[in-house]
C-alpha cells in the first residue's frame, strides 16, 4: 500500500508473483489480487478488467464454469507484463 492507502504497483506485482510462483495459490490469495486490482483500477475493462473477471471465476482445481491454477497463472503473467509495460 502507498502512503494514502492506495494500492501500489509494487504491491500488486508482489501478490501476482506469490501466486505465479506457487507459494500461495489459495482462493484467498486470488481474492486479494482481485481486490487490489479493482481498488487500483476501478471500472477498468481492459486487461485488468479481464483479469478481475478471471480471478472471480477461480477455484483451486477448477470446476464447471471455473478456472484452475494453470489458467490463472497465464492470466496473471500476461497482466504483470502489461502492468509493467504500461507503467514504465
PDB file of N, CA and C in Angstrom:
ATOM      1  N   UNK A   1       0.842  -1.181   0.000  1.00  0.00           N
ATOM      2  CA  UNK A   1       0.000   0.000   0.000  1.00  0.00           C
ATOM      3  C   UNK A   1       0.886   1.243   0.000  1.00  0.00           C
ATOM      4  N   UNK A   2       0.373   2.280  -0.621  1.00  0.00           N
ATOM      5  CA  UNK A   2       1.079   3.547  -0.635  1.00  0.00           C
ATOM      6  C   UNK A   2       0.779   4.348   0.621  1.00  0.00           C
ATOM      7  N   UNK A   3       1.298   5.554   0.675  1.00  0.00           N
ATOM      8  CA  UNK A   3       1.146   6.411   1.847  1.00  0.00           C
ATOM      9  C   UNK A   3      -0.308   6.690   2.192  1.00  0.00           C
ATOM     10  N   UNK A   4      -1.139   6.897   1.215  1.00  0.00           N
ATOM     11  CA  UNK A   4      -2.537   7.261   1.448  1.00  0.00           C
ATOM     12  C   UNK A   4      -3.469   6.061   1.398  1.00  0.00           C
ATOM     13  N   UNK A   5      -2.929   4.854   1.533  1.00  0.00           N
ATOM     14  CA  UNK A   5      -3.744   3.655   1.497  1.00  0.00           C
ATOM     15  C   UNK A   5      -4.040   3.150   0.100  1.00  0.00           C
ATOM     16  N   UNK A   6      -3.514   3.843  -0.931  1.00  0.00           N
ATOM     17  CA  UNK A   6      -3.753   3.376  -2.293  1.00  0.00           C
ATOM     18  C   UNK A   6      -2.890   2.143  -2.565  1.00  0.00           C
ATOM     19  N   UNK A   7      -3.373   1.313  -3.436  1.00  0.00           N
ATOM     20  CA  UNK A   7      -2.659   0.096  -3.803  1.00  0.00           C
ATOM     21  C   UNK A   7      -1.568   0.472  -4.798  1.00  0.00           C
ATOM     22  N   UNK A   8      -0.338   0.071  -4.510  1.00  0.00           N
ATOM     23  CA  UNK A   8       0.780   0.401  -5.385  1.00  0.00           C
ATOM     24  C   UNK A   8       1.018  -0.713  -6.403  1.00  0.00           C
ATOM     25  N   UNK A   9       1.682  -0.349  -7.475  1.00  0.00           N
ATOM     26  CA  UNK A   9       2.063  -1.329  -8.484  1.00  0.00           C
ATOM     27  C   UNK A   9       2.934  -2.407  -7.852  1.00  0.00           C
ATOM     28  N   UNK A  10       3.858  -2.006  -6.985  1.00  0.00           N
ATOM     29  CA  UNK A  10       4.744  -2.973  -6.335  1.00  0.00           C
ATOM     30  C   UNK A  10       3.955  -3.979  -5.506  1.00  0.00           C
ATOM     31  N   UNK A  11       2.914  -3.519  -4.827  1.00  0.00           N
ATOM     32  CA  UNK A  11       2.086  -4.419  -4.012  1.00  0.00           C
ATOM     33  C   UNK A  11       1.338  -5.409  -4.896  1.00  0.00           C
ATOM     34  N   UNK A  12       0.805  -4.926  -6.007  1.00  0.00           N
ATOM     35  CA  UNK A  12       0.084  -5.810  -6.930  1.00  0.00           C
ATOM     36  C   UNK A  12       1.040  -6.836  -7.532  1.00  0.00           C
ATOM     37  N   UNK A  13       2.212  -6.400  -7.950  1.00  0.00           N
ATOM     38  CA  UNK A  13       3.198  -7.315  -8.534  1.00  0.00           C
ATOM     39  C   UNK A  13       3.617  -8.364  -7.503  1.00  0.00           C
ATOM     40  N   UNK A  14       3.783  -7.965  -6.250  1.00  0.00           N
ATOM     41  CA  UNK A  14       4.151  -8.923  -5.202  1.00  0.00           C
ATOM     42  C   UNK A  14       3.063  -9.982  -5.016  1.00  0.00           C
ATOM     43  N   UNK A  15       1.806  -9.560  -5.024  1.00  0.00           N
ATOM     44  CA  UNK A  15       0.695 -10.514  -4.912  1.00  0.00           C
ATOM     45  C   UNK A  15       0.681 -11.474  -6.097  1.00  0.00           C
ATOM     46  N   UNK A  16       0.868 -10.922  -7.298  1.00  0.00           N
ATOM     47  CA  UNK A  16       0.899 -11.749  -8.508  1.00  0.00           C
ATOM     48  C   UNK A  16       2.055 -12.743  -8.444  1.00  0.00           C
ATOM     49  N   UNK A  17       3.244 -12.264  -8.065  1.00  0.00           N
ATOM     50  CA  UNK A  17       4.419 -13.133  -8.003  1.00  0.00           C
ATOM     51  C   UNK A  17       4.220 -14.289  -7.025  1.00  0.00           C
ATOM     52  N   UNK A  18       3.576 -14.013  -5.903  1.00  0.00           N
ATOM     53  CA  UNK A  18       3.317 -15.066  -4.914  1.00  0.00           C
ATOM     54  C   UNK A  18       2.426 -16.154  -5.495  1.00  0.00           C
ATOM     55  N   UNK A  19       1.417 -15.755  -6.255  1.00  0.00           N
ATOM     56  CA  UNK A  19       0.520 -16.738  -6.878  1.00  0.00           C
ATOM     57  C   UNK A  19       1.239 -17.494  -7.986  1.00  0.00           C
ATOM     58  N   UNK A  20       1.871 -16.774  -8.894  1.00  0.00           N
ATOM     59  CA  UNK A  20       2.506 -17.392 -10.068  1.00  0.00           C
ATOM     60  C   UNK A  20       3.617 -18.358  -9.652  1.00  0.00           C
ATOM     61  N   UNK A  21       4.383 -18.001  -8.610  1.00  0.00           N
ATOM     62  CA  UNK A  21       5.486 -18.855  -8.161  1.00  0.00           C
ATOM     63  C   UNK A  21       5.006 -20.158  -7.536  1.00  0.00           C
ATOM     64  N   UNK A  22       3.745 -20.188  -7.136  1.00  0.00           N
ATOM     65  CA  UNK A  22       3.208 -21.377  -6.485  1.00  0.00           C
ATOM     66  C   UNK A  22       3.283 -21.316  -4.975  1.00  0.00           C
ATOM     67  N   UNK A  23       3.841 -20.224  -4.442  1.00  0.00           N
ATOM     68  CA  UNK A  23       3.932 -20.086  -2.986  1.00  0.00           C
ATOM     69  C   UNK A  23       2.556 -20.045  -2.332  1.00  0.00           C
ATOM     70  N   UNK A  24       1.587 -19.441  -3.003  1.00  0.00           N
ATOM     71  CA  UNK A  24       0.226 -19.360  -2.463  1.00  0.00           C
ATOM     72  C   UNK A  24      -0.756 -19.236  -3.623  1.00  0.00           C
ATOM     73  N   UNK A  25      -1.435 -20.321  -3.898  1.00  0.00           N
ATOM     74  CA  UNK A  25      -2.447 -20.317  -4.960  1.00  0.00           C
ATOM     75  C   UNK A  25      -3.838 -20.536  -4.374  1.00  0.00           C
ATOM     76  N   UNK A  26      -3.997 -20.072  -3.157  1.00  0.00           N
ATOM     77  CA  UNK A  26      -5.275 -20.229  -2.473  1.00  0.00           C
ATOM     78  C   UNK A  26      -6.328 -19.289  -3.052  1.00  0.00           C
ATOM     79  N   UNK A  27      -7.564 -19.588  -2.737  1.00  0.00           N
ATOM     80  CA  UNK A  27      -8.662 -18.714  -3.130  1.00  0.00           C
ATOM     81  C   UNK A  27      -8.495 -17.347  -2.472  1.00  0.00           C
ATOM     82  N   UNK A  28      -8.011 -17.330  -1.232  1.00  0.00           N
ATOM     83  CA  UNK A  28      -7.795 -16.058  -0.528  1.00  0.00           C
ATOM     84  C   UNK A  28      -6.762 -15.194  -1.249  1.00  0.00           C
ATOM     85  N   UNK A  29      -5.702 -15.805  -1.761  1.00  0.00           N
ATOM     86  CA  UNK A  29      -4.681 -15.052  -2.495  1.00  0.00           C
ATOM     87  C   UNK A  29      -5.261 -14.486  -3.786  1.00  0.00           C
ATOM     88  N   UNK A  30      -6.030 -15.304  -4.500  1.00  0.00           N
ATOM     89  CA  UNK A  30      -6.668 -14.835  -5.735  1.00  0.00           C
ATOM     90  C   UNK A  30      -7.607 -13.672  -5.437  1.00  0.00           C
ATOM     91  N   UNK A  31      -8.344 -13.772  -4.345  1.00  0.00           N
ATOM     92  CA  UNK A  31      -9.261 -12.694  -3.971  1.00  0.00           C
ATOM     93  C   UNK A  31      -8.500 -11.431  -3.581  1.00  0.00           C
ATOM     94  N   UNK A  32      -7.351 -11.579  -2.928  1.00  0.00           N
ATOM     95  CA  UNK A  32      -6.537 -10.414  -2.568  1.00  0.00           C
ATOM     96  C   UNK A  32      -6.055  -9.689  -3.821  1.00  0.00           C
ATOM     97  N   UNK A  33      -5.651 -10.445  -4.833  1.00  0.00           N
ATOM     98  CA  UNK A  33      -5.227  -9.842  -6.103  1.00  0.00           C
ATOM     99  C   UNK A  33      -6.411  -9.148  -6.759  1.00  0.00           C
ATOM    100  N   UNK A  34      -7.542  -9.814  -6.778  1.00  0.00           N
ATOM    101  CA  UNK A  34      -8.753  -9.252  -7.388  1.00  0.00           C
ATOM    102  C   UNK A  34      -9.125  -7.920  -6.738  1.00  0.00           C
ATOM    103  N   UNK A  35      -9.116  -7.874  -5.418  1.00  0.00           N
ATOM    104  CA  UNK A  35      -9.470  -6.647  -4.692  1.00  0.00           C
ATOM    105  C   UNK A  35      -8.444  -5.551  -4.959  1.00  0.00           C
ATOM    106  N   UNK A  36      -7.156  -5.900  -4.931  1.00  0.00           N
ATOM    107  CA  UNK A  36      -6.107  -4.903  -5.178  1.00  0.00           C
ATOM    108  C   UNK A  36      -6.241  -4.306  -6.575  1.00  0.00           C
ATOM    109  N   UNK A  37      -6.499  -5.154  -7.557  1.00  0.00           N
ATOM    110  CA  UNK A  37      -6.670  -4.663  -8.930  1.00  0.00           C
ATOM    111  C   UNK A  37      -7.894  -3.773  -9.049  1.00  0.00           C
ATOM    112  N   UNK A  38      -8.977  -4.196  -8.437  1.00  0.00           N
ATOM    113  CA  UNK A  38     -10.213  -3.418  -8.500  1.00  0.00           C
ATOM    114  C   UNK A  38     -10.055  -2.077  -7.793  1.00  0.00           C
ATOM    115  N   UNK A  39      -9.325  -2.064  -6.676  1.00  0.00           N
ATOM    116  CA  UNK A  39      -9.079  -0.809  -5.958  1.00  0.00           C
ATOM    117  C   UNK A  39      -8.184   0.135  -6.764  1.00  0.00           C
ATOM    118  N   UNK A  40      -7.165  -0.431  -7.411  1.00  0.00           N
ATOM    119  CA  UNK A  40      -6.206   0.389  -8.155  1.00  0.00           C
ATOM    120  C   UNK A  40      -6.736   0.820  -9.519  1.00  0.00           C
ATOM    121  N   UNK A  41      -7.653   0.035 -10.078  1.00  0.00           N
ATOM    122  CA  UNK A  41      -8.161   0.295 -11.430  1.00  0.00           C
ATOM    123  C   UNK A  41      -9.677   0.125 -11.477  1.00  0.00           C
ATOM    124  N   UNK A  42     -10.425   0.909 -10.708  1.00  0.00           N
ATOM    125  CA  UNK A  42     -11.883   0.722 -10.686  1.00  0.00           C
ATOM    126  C   UNK A  42     -12.506   0.967 -12.060  1.00  0.00           C
ATOM    127  N   UNK A  43     -13.397   0.078 -12.441  1.00  0.00           N
ATOM    128  CA  UNK A  43     -14.107   0.242 -13.706  1.00  0.00           C
ATOM    129  C   UNK A  43     -13.300  -0.072 -14.944  1.00  0.00           C
ATOM    130  N   UNK A  44     -12.058  -0.520 -14.777  1.00  0.00           N
ATOM    131  CA  UNK A  44     -11.197  -0.834 -15.919  1.00  0.00           C
ATOM    132  C   UNK A  44     -11.746  -2.054 -16.645  1.00  0.00           C
ATOM    133  N   UNK A  45     -11.937  -1.933 -17.952  1.00  0.00           N
ATOM    134  CA  UNK A  45     -12.472  -3.043 -18.733  1.00  0.00           C
ATOM    135  C   UNK A  45     -11.447  -3.611 -19.705  1.00  0.00           C
ATOM    136  N   UNK A  46     -10.175  -3.271 -19.517  1.00  0.00           N
ATOM    137  CA  UNK A  46      -9.127  -3.759 -20.408  1.00  0.00           C
ATOM    138  C   UNK A  46      -8.542  -5.051 -19.846  1.00  0.00           C
ATOM    139  N   UNK A  47      -7.252  -5.175 -19.931  1.00  0.00           N
ATOM    140  CA  UNK A  47      -6.540  -6.351 -19.435  1.00  0.00           C
ATOM    141  C   UNK A  47      -6.808  -6.543 -17.946  1.00  0.00           C
ATOM    142  N   UNK A  48      -6.852  -5.453 -17.202  1.00  0.00           N
ATOM    143  CA  UNK A  48      -7.103  -5.528 -15.763  1.00  0.00           C
ATOM    144  C   UNK A  48      -8.506  -6.068 -15.500  1.00  0.00           C
ATOM    145  N   UNK A  49      -9.482  -5.528 -16.188  1.00  0.00           N
ATOM    146  CA  UNK A  49     -10.856  -5.992 -16.011  1.00  0.00           C
ATOM    147  C   UNK A  49     -11.016  -7.457 -16.359  1.00  0.00           C
ATOM    148  N   UNK A  50     -10.348  -7.892 -17.422  1.00  0.00           N
ATOM    149  CA  UNK A  50     -10.395  -9.305 -17.805  1.00  0.00           C
ATOM    150  C   UNK A  50      -9.788 -10.181 -16.713  1.00  0.00           C
ATOM    151  N   UNK A  51      -8.689  -9.716 -16.113  1.00  0.00           N
ATOM    152  CA  UNK A  51      -8.048 -10.481 -15.039  1.00  0.00           C
ATOM    153  C   UNK A  51      -8.946 -10.551 -13.808  1.00  0.00           C
ATOM    154  N   UNK A  52      -9.602  -9.445 -13.479  1.00  0.00           N
ATOM    155  CA  UNK A  52     -10.510  -9.426 -12.327  1.00  0.00           C
ATOM    156  C   UNK A  52     -11.635 -10.441 -12.537  1.00  0.00           C
ATOM    157  N   UNK A  53     -12.178 -10.486 -13.739  1.00  0.00           N
ATOM    158  CA  UNK A  53     -13.247 -11.449 -14.038  1.00  0.00           C
ATOM    159  C   UNK A  53     -12.726 -12.883 -13.928  1.00  0.00           C
ATOM    160  N   UNK A  54     -11.527 -13.137 -14.456  1.00  0.00           N
ATOM    161  CA  UNK A  54     -10.948 -14.481 -14.367  1.00  0.00           C
ATOM    162  C   UNK A  54     -10.711 -14.869 -12.911  1.00  0.00           C
ATOM    163  N   UNK A  55     -10.179 -13.946 -12.116  1.00  0.00           N
ATOM    164  CA  UNK A  55      -9.926 -14.237 -10.704  1.00  0.00           C
ATOM    165  C   UNK A  55     -11.222 -14.516  -9.950  1.00  0.00           C
ATOM    166  N   UNK A  56     -12.278 -13.813 -10.310  1.00  0.00           N
ATOM    167  CA  UNK A  56     -13.574 -14.040  -9.667  1.00  0.00           C
ATOM    168  C   UNK A  56     -14.134 -15.416 -10.020  1.00  0.00           C
ATOM    169  N   UNK A  57     -13.626 -15.998 -11.093  1.00  0.00           N
ATOM    170  CA  UNK A  57     -14.088 -17.316 -11.543  1.00  0.00           C
ATOM    171  C   UNK A  57     -13.062 -18.401 -11.246  1.00  0.00           C
ATOM    172  N   UNK A  58     -12.175 -18.163 -10.284  1.00  0.00           N
ATOM    173  CA  UNK A  58     -11.106 -19.099  -9.941  1.00  0.00           C
ATOM    174  C   UNK A  58     -11.495 -19.973  -8.756  1.00  0.00           C
ATOM    175  N   UNK A  59     -11.107 -21.225  -8.851  1.00  0.00           N
ATOM    176  CA  UNK A  59     -11.170 -22.149  -7.724  1.00  0.00           C
ATOM    177  C   UNK A  59     -10.002 -23.115  -7.868  1.00  0.00           C
ATOM    178  N   UNK A  60      -9.260 -23.365  -6.788  1.00  0.00           N
ATOM    179  CA  UNK A  60      -8.182 -24.351  -6.885  1.00  0.00           C
ATOM    180  C   UNK A  60      -8.731 -25.667  -7.443  1.00  0.00           C
ATOM    181  N   UNK A  61      -8.112 -26.147  -8.486  1.00  0.00           N
ATOM    182  CA  UNK A  61      -8.577 -27.362  -9.138  1.00  0.00           C
ATOM    183  C   UNK A  61      -9.614 -27.124 -10.217  1.00  0.00           C
ATOM    184  N   UNK A  62     -10.110 -25.891 -10.319  1.00  0.00           N
ATOM    185  CA  UNK A  62     -11.094 -25.561 -11.345  1.00  0.00           C
ATOM    186  C   UNK A  62     -12.453 -26.140 -11.017  1.00  0.00           C
ATOM    187  N   UNK A  63     -13.204 -26.447 -12.038  1.00  0.00           N
ATOM    188  CA  UNK A  63     -14.548 -26.979 -11.873  1.00  0.00           C
ATOM    189  C   UNK A  63     -15.419 -26.464 -12.997  1.00  0.00           C
ATOM    190  N   UNK A  64     -16.668 -26.881 -12.999  1.00  0.00           N
ATOM    191  CA  UNK A  64     -17.577 -26.429 -14.039  1.00  0.00           C
ATOM    192  C   UNK A  64     -17.719 -24.913 -13.963  1.00  0.00           C
ATOM    193  N   UNK A  65     -17.432 -24.242 -15.061  1.00  0.00           N
ATOM    194  CA  UNK A  65     -17.510 -22.782 -15.190  1.00  0.00           C
ATOM    195  C   UNK A  65     -16.460 -22.046 -14.351  1.00  0.00           C
ATOM    196  N   UNK A  66     -15.427 -22.754 -13.856  1.00  0.00           N
ATOM    197  CA  UNK A  66     -14.385 -22.133 -13.037  1.00  0.00           C
ATOM    198  C   UNK A  66     -13.017 -22.355 -13.673  1.00  0.00           C
ATOM    199  N   UNK A  67     -12.105 -21.421 -13.431  1.00  0.00           N
ATOM    200  CA  UNK A  67     -10.736 -21.535 -13.930  1.00  0.00           C
ATOM    201  C   UNK A  67      -9.856 -22.200 -12.890  1.00  0.00           C
ATOM    202  N   UNK A  68      -8.868 -22.975 -13.361  1.00  0.00           N
ATOM    203  CA  UNK A  68      -7.919 -23.619 -12.462  1.00  0.00           C
ATOM    204  C   UNK A  68      -6.631 -22.804 -12.374  1.00  0.00           C
ATOM    205  N   UNK A  69      -5.675 -23.326 -11.596  1.00  0.00           N
ATOM    206  CA  UNK A  69      -4.413 -22.624 -11.364  1.00  0.00           C
ATOM    207  C   UNK A  69      -3.658 -22.331 -12.651  1.00  0.00           C
ATOM    208  N   UNK A  70      -3.594 -23.296 -13.546  1.00  0.00           N
ATOM    209  CA  UNK A  70      -2.840 -23.117 -14.791  1.00  0.00           C
ATOM    210  C   UNK A  70      -3.374 -21.942 -15.600  1.00  0.00           C
ATOM    211  N   UNK A  71      -4.671 -21.846 -15.707  1.00  0.00           N
ATOM    212  CA  UNK A  71      -5.272 -20.741 -16.457  1.00  0.00           C
ATOM    213  C   UNK A  71      -4.967 -19.402 -15.784  1.00  0.00           C
ATOM    214  N   UNK A  72      -5.115 -19.343 -14.471  1.00  0.00           N
ATOM    215  CA  UNK A  72      -4.905 -18.080 -13.754  1.00  0.00           C
ATOM    216  C   UNK A  72      -3.437 -17.664 -13.790  1.00  0.00           C
ATOM    217  N   UNK A  73      -2.518 -18.615 -13.724  1.00  0.00           N
ATOM    218  CA  UNK A  73      -1.092 -18.279 -13.850  1.00  0.00           C
ATOM    219  C   UNK A  73      -0.841 -17.585 -15.184  1.00  0.00           C
ATOM    220  N   UNK A  74      -1.428 -18.083 -16.256  1.00  0.00           N
ATOM    221  CA  UNK A  74      -1.281 -17.441 -17.567  1.00  0.00           C
ATOM    222  C   UNK A  74      -1.866 -16.045 -17.589  1.00  0.00           C
ATOM    223  N   UNK A  75      -3.056 -15.896 -17.034  1.00  0.00           N
ATOM    224  CA  UNK A  75      -3.712 -14.582 -16.974  1.00  0.00           C
ATOM    225  C   UNK A  75      -2.852 -13.601 -16.186  1.00  0.00           C
ATOM    226  N   UNK A  76      -2.358 -14.031 -15.026  1.00  0.00           N
ATOM    227  CA  UNK A  76      -1.575 -13.130 -14.178  1.00  0.00           C
ATOM    228  C   UNK A  76      -0.211 -12.814 -14.776  1.00  0.00           C
ATOM    229  N   UNK A  77       0.387 -13.758 -15.471  1.00  0.00           N
ATOM    230  CA  UNK A  77       1.675 -13.498 -16.127  1.00  0.00           C
ATOM    231  C   UNK A  77       1.519 -12.435 -17.206  1.00  0.00           C
ATOM    232  N   UNK A  78       0.455 -12.552 -18.011  1.00  0.00           N
ATOM    233  CA  UNK A  78       0.188 -11.532 -19.039  1.00  0.00           C
ATOM    234  C   UNK A  78      -0.130 -10.184 -18.392  1.00  0.00           C
ATOM    235  N   UNK A  79      -0.908 -10.210 -17.341  1.00  0.00           N
ATOM    236  CA  UNK A  79      -1.271  -8.976 -16.647  1.00  0.00           C
ATOM    237  C   UNK A  79      -0.037  -8.279 -16.088  1.00  0.00           C
ATOM    238  N   UNK A  80       0.848  -9.025 -15.465  1.00  0.00           N
ATOM    239  CA  UNK A  80       2.064  -8.434 -14.897  1.00  0.00           C
ATOM    240  C   UNK A  80       2.889  -7.760 -15.991  1.00  0.00           C
ATOM    241  N   UNK A  81       3.079  -8.460 -17.113  1.00  0.00           N
ATOM    242  CA  UNK A  81       3.836  -7.849 -18.222  1.00  0.00           C
ATOM    243  C   UNK A  81       3.164  -6.563 -18.676  1.00  0.00           C
ATOM    244  N   UNK A  82       1.844  -6.587 -18.823  1.00  0.00           N
ATOM    245  CA  UNK A  82       1.098  -5.407 -19.267  1.00  0.00           C
ATOM    246  C   UNK A  82       1.235  -4.270 -18.259  1.00  0.00           C
ATOM    247  N   UNK A  83       1.078  -4.570 -16.979  1.00  0.00           N
ATOM    248  CA  UNK A  83       1.195  -3.532 -15.947  1.00  0.00           C
ATOM    249  C   UNK A  83       2.578  -2.888 -15.968  1.00  0.00           C
ATOM    250  N   UNK A  84       3.608  -3.712 -16.052  1.00  0.00           N
ATOM    251  CA  UNK A  84       4.972  -3.176 -16.043  1.00  0.00           C
ATOM    252  C   UNK A  84       5.278  -2.409 -17.325  1.00  0.00           C
ATOM    253  N   UNK A  85       4.767  -2.873 -18.453  1.00  0.00           N
ATOM    254  CA  UNK A  85       4.990  -2.173 -19.729  1.00  0.00           C
ATOM    255  C   UNK A  85       4.270  -0.833 -19.777  1.00  0.00           C
ATOM    256  N   UNK A  86       3.049  -0.778 -19.263  1.00  0.00           N
ATOM    257  CA  UNK A  86       2.273   0.463 -19.341  1.00  0.00           C
ATOM    258  C   UNK A  86       2.654   1.454 -18.260  1.00  0.00           C
ATOM    259  N   UNK A  87       3.319   0.994 -17.225  1.00  0.00           N
ATOM    260  CA  UNK A  87       3.690   1.888 -16.122  1.00  0.00           C
ATOM    261  C   UNK A  87       5.127   2.373 -16.219  1.00  0.00           C
ATOM    262  N   UNK A  88       5.878   1.861 -17.192  1.00  0.00           N
ATOM    263  CA  UNK A  88       7.289   2.272 -17.296  1.00  0.00           C
ATOM    264  C   UNK A  88       7.469   3.431 -18.238  1.00  0.00           C
TER     265      UNK A  88
END
